[in-house]
Amino acid sequence: MLGVFASEKSIARKAGSSWWHGTDEIGLEEAAKFYDCRFKYFRREIGKDAIKVLVQHLKKGFPCVLSVDNWGHWLTVINWQQGKFILIDSSKDKVINIYSAKQLISRWKIY
């Protein structure tokens, strides 16, 4: 999304990913730095506030990587249009998805 061409394997190596521990936000930040990409961490306790910050980042042209499914998976939100989020989710058969804020919060929220 940022014009950097690198293999998934190379990014995973830079992020310290492993099949038994997965990938955490610290590793993602390390990989982003290596590829000269900005990585900004944000956390909000209230869904409405989280959506507001997410939309602000997307409006600035920054894709956002979100931890979803109780920290079990990462997905990338690439755009926000007409009140909907366009995202890439490798856990779905259709990798590109469109979610409402309610749908996104239901997966993004930690229980």
Protein backbone atom coordinates (compact mmCIF):
# COMPACT_ATOMS: atom_id res chain seq x y z
CA MET A 1 0.00 0.00 0.00
CA LEU A 2 2.97 2.32 0.50
CA GLY A 3 4.86 1.44 -2.68
CA VAL A 4 7.39 -0.85 -1.02
CA PHE A 5 7.86 -4.15 -2.78
CA ALA A 6 9.03 -6.91 -0.45
CA SER A 7 8.11 -10.54 -0.09
CA GLU A 8 5.90 -11.69 2.76
CA LYS A 9 8.74 -13.96 3.87
CA SER A 10 11.20 -11.05 4.06
CA ILE A 11 8.77 -8.88 6.02
CA ALA A 12 7.98 -11.75 8.39
CA ARG A 13 11.70 -12.29 9.01
CA LYS A 14 12.22 -8.59 9.79
CA ALA A 15 9.15 -8.66 12.11
CA GLY A 16 10.45 -11.70 13.98
CA SER A 17 7.36 -13.71 13.06
CA SER A 18 7.21 -17.39 13.83
CA TRP A 19 4.56 -20.05 13.42
CA TRP A 20 4.42 -20.67 17.18
CA HIS A 21 4.37 -17.02 18.37
CA GLY A 22 2.97 -15.22 15.35
CA THR A 23 3.68 -11.51 14.98
CA ASP A 24 3.26 -8.73 17.50
CA GLU A 25 3.07 -4.95 17.13
CA ILE A 26 6.70 -4.53 18.21
CA GLY A 27 7.81 -6.80 15.37
CA LEU A 28 5.58 -4.99 12.89
CA GLU A 29 7.13 -1.70 13.96
CA GLU A 30 10.64 -3.12 13.46
CA ALA A 31 9.75 -4.33 9.97
CA ALA A 32 8.16 -0.97 9.11
CA LYS A 33 11.30 0.86 10.20
CA PHE A 34 13.48 -1.45 8.12
CA TYR A 35 11.42 -0.68 5.02
CA ASP A 36 11.42 3.06 5.85
CA CYS A 37 7.70 3.15 6.58
CA ARG A 38 6.08 5.06 9.42
CA PHE A 39 4.39 3.03 12.12
CA LYS A 40 2.25 4.74 14.72
CA TYR A 41 0.63 2.79 17.51
CA PHE A 42 -2.75 3.87 18.88
CA ARG A 43 -5.19 2.33 21.31
CA ARG A 44 -8.63 3.47 22.43
CA GLU A 45 -10.92 1.91 25.01
CA ILE A 46 -14.15 3.13 23.41
CA GLY A 47 -15.09 1.83 19.96
CA LYS A 48 -16.40 5.18 18.73
CA ASP A 49 -13.09 6.84 19.69
CA ALA A 50 -11.07 4.09 17.99
CA ILE A 51 -13.06 4.49 14.77
CA LYS A 52 -12.52 8.28 14.87
CA VAL A 53 -8.72 7.89 15.15
CA LEU A 54 -8.70 5.18 12.46
CA VAL A 55 -10.61 7.43 10.03
CA GLN A 56 -8.19 10.31 10.73
CA HIS A 57 -5.21 8.13 9.77
CA LEU A 58 -6.95 6.78 6.68
CA LYS A 59 -7.87 10.30 5.52
CA LYS A 60 -4.16 11.18 5.67
CA GLY A 61 -3.47 8.29 3.30
CA PHE A 62 -2.07 5.84 5.85
CA PRO A 63 -3.22 2.23 5.76
CA CYS A 64 -3.74 0.81 9.25
CA VAL A 65 -2.87 -2.67 10.49
CA LEU A 66 -5.30 -3.81 13.18
CA SER A 67 -5.10 -6.68 15.60
CA VAL A 68 -8.44 -8.48 15.51
CA ASP A 69 -10.08 -11.64 16.81
CA ASN A 70 -8.66 -11.18 20.34
CA TRP A 71 -5.08 -10.66 19.09
CA GLY A 72 -5.35 -13.79 16.94
CA HIS A 73 -5.06 -12.14 13.51
CA TRP A 74 -3.95 -8.95 11.77
CA LEU A 75 -5.81 -7.22 8.94
CA THR A 76 -5.12 -4.04 7.01
CA VAL A 77 -7.65 -1.25 6.59
CA ILE A 78 -6.74 0.59 3.42
CA ASN A 79 -9.50 3.15 2.96
CA TRP A 80 -12.68 4.68 4.31
CA GLN A 81 -15.42 5.77 1.90
CA GLN A 82 -19.08 6.55 2.38
CA GLY A 83 -18.94 5.39 6.00
CA LYS A 84 -17.47 1.99 5.14
CA PHE A 85 -14.00 0.53 5.61
CA ILE A 86 -12.14 -1.24 2.81
CA LEU A 87 -9.80 -3.85 4.20
CA ILE A 88 -7.53 -6.72 3.30
CA ASP A 89 -8.05 -9.84 5.39
CA SER A 90 -6.13 -12.99 4.53
CA SER A 91 -8.37 -15.06 6.82
CA LYS A 92 -11.28 -14.70 4.39
CA ASP A 93 -11.82 -16.42 1.04
CA LYS A 94 -12.50 -12.99 -0.45
CA VAL A 95 -9.39 -11.16 0.73
CA ILE A 96 -10.73 -7.65 0.06
CA ASN A 97 -13.72 -6.83 2.24
CA ILE A 98 -15.97 -3.89 3.05
CA TYR A 99 -17.04 -3.45 6.69
CA SER A 100 -19.27 -1.04 8.51
CA ALA A 101 -17.89 0.51 11.69
CA LYS A 102 -20.02 -1.92 13.71
CA GLN A 103 -18.63 -4.95 11.85
CA LEU A 104 -15.07 -3.73 12.27
CA ILE A 105 -15.45 -3.01 15.99
CA SER A 106 -16.92 -6.48 16.57
CA ARG A 107 -13.64 -8.04 15.36
CA TRP A 108 -11.30 -5.33 16.62
CA LYS A 109 -12.60 -5.24 20.19
CA ILE A 110 -10.72 -7.27 22.78
CA TYR A 111 -12.96 -9.24 25.11
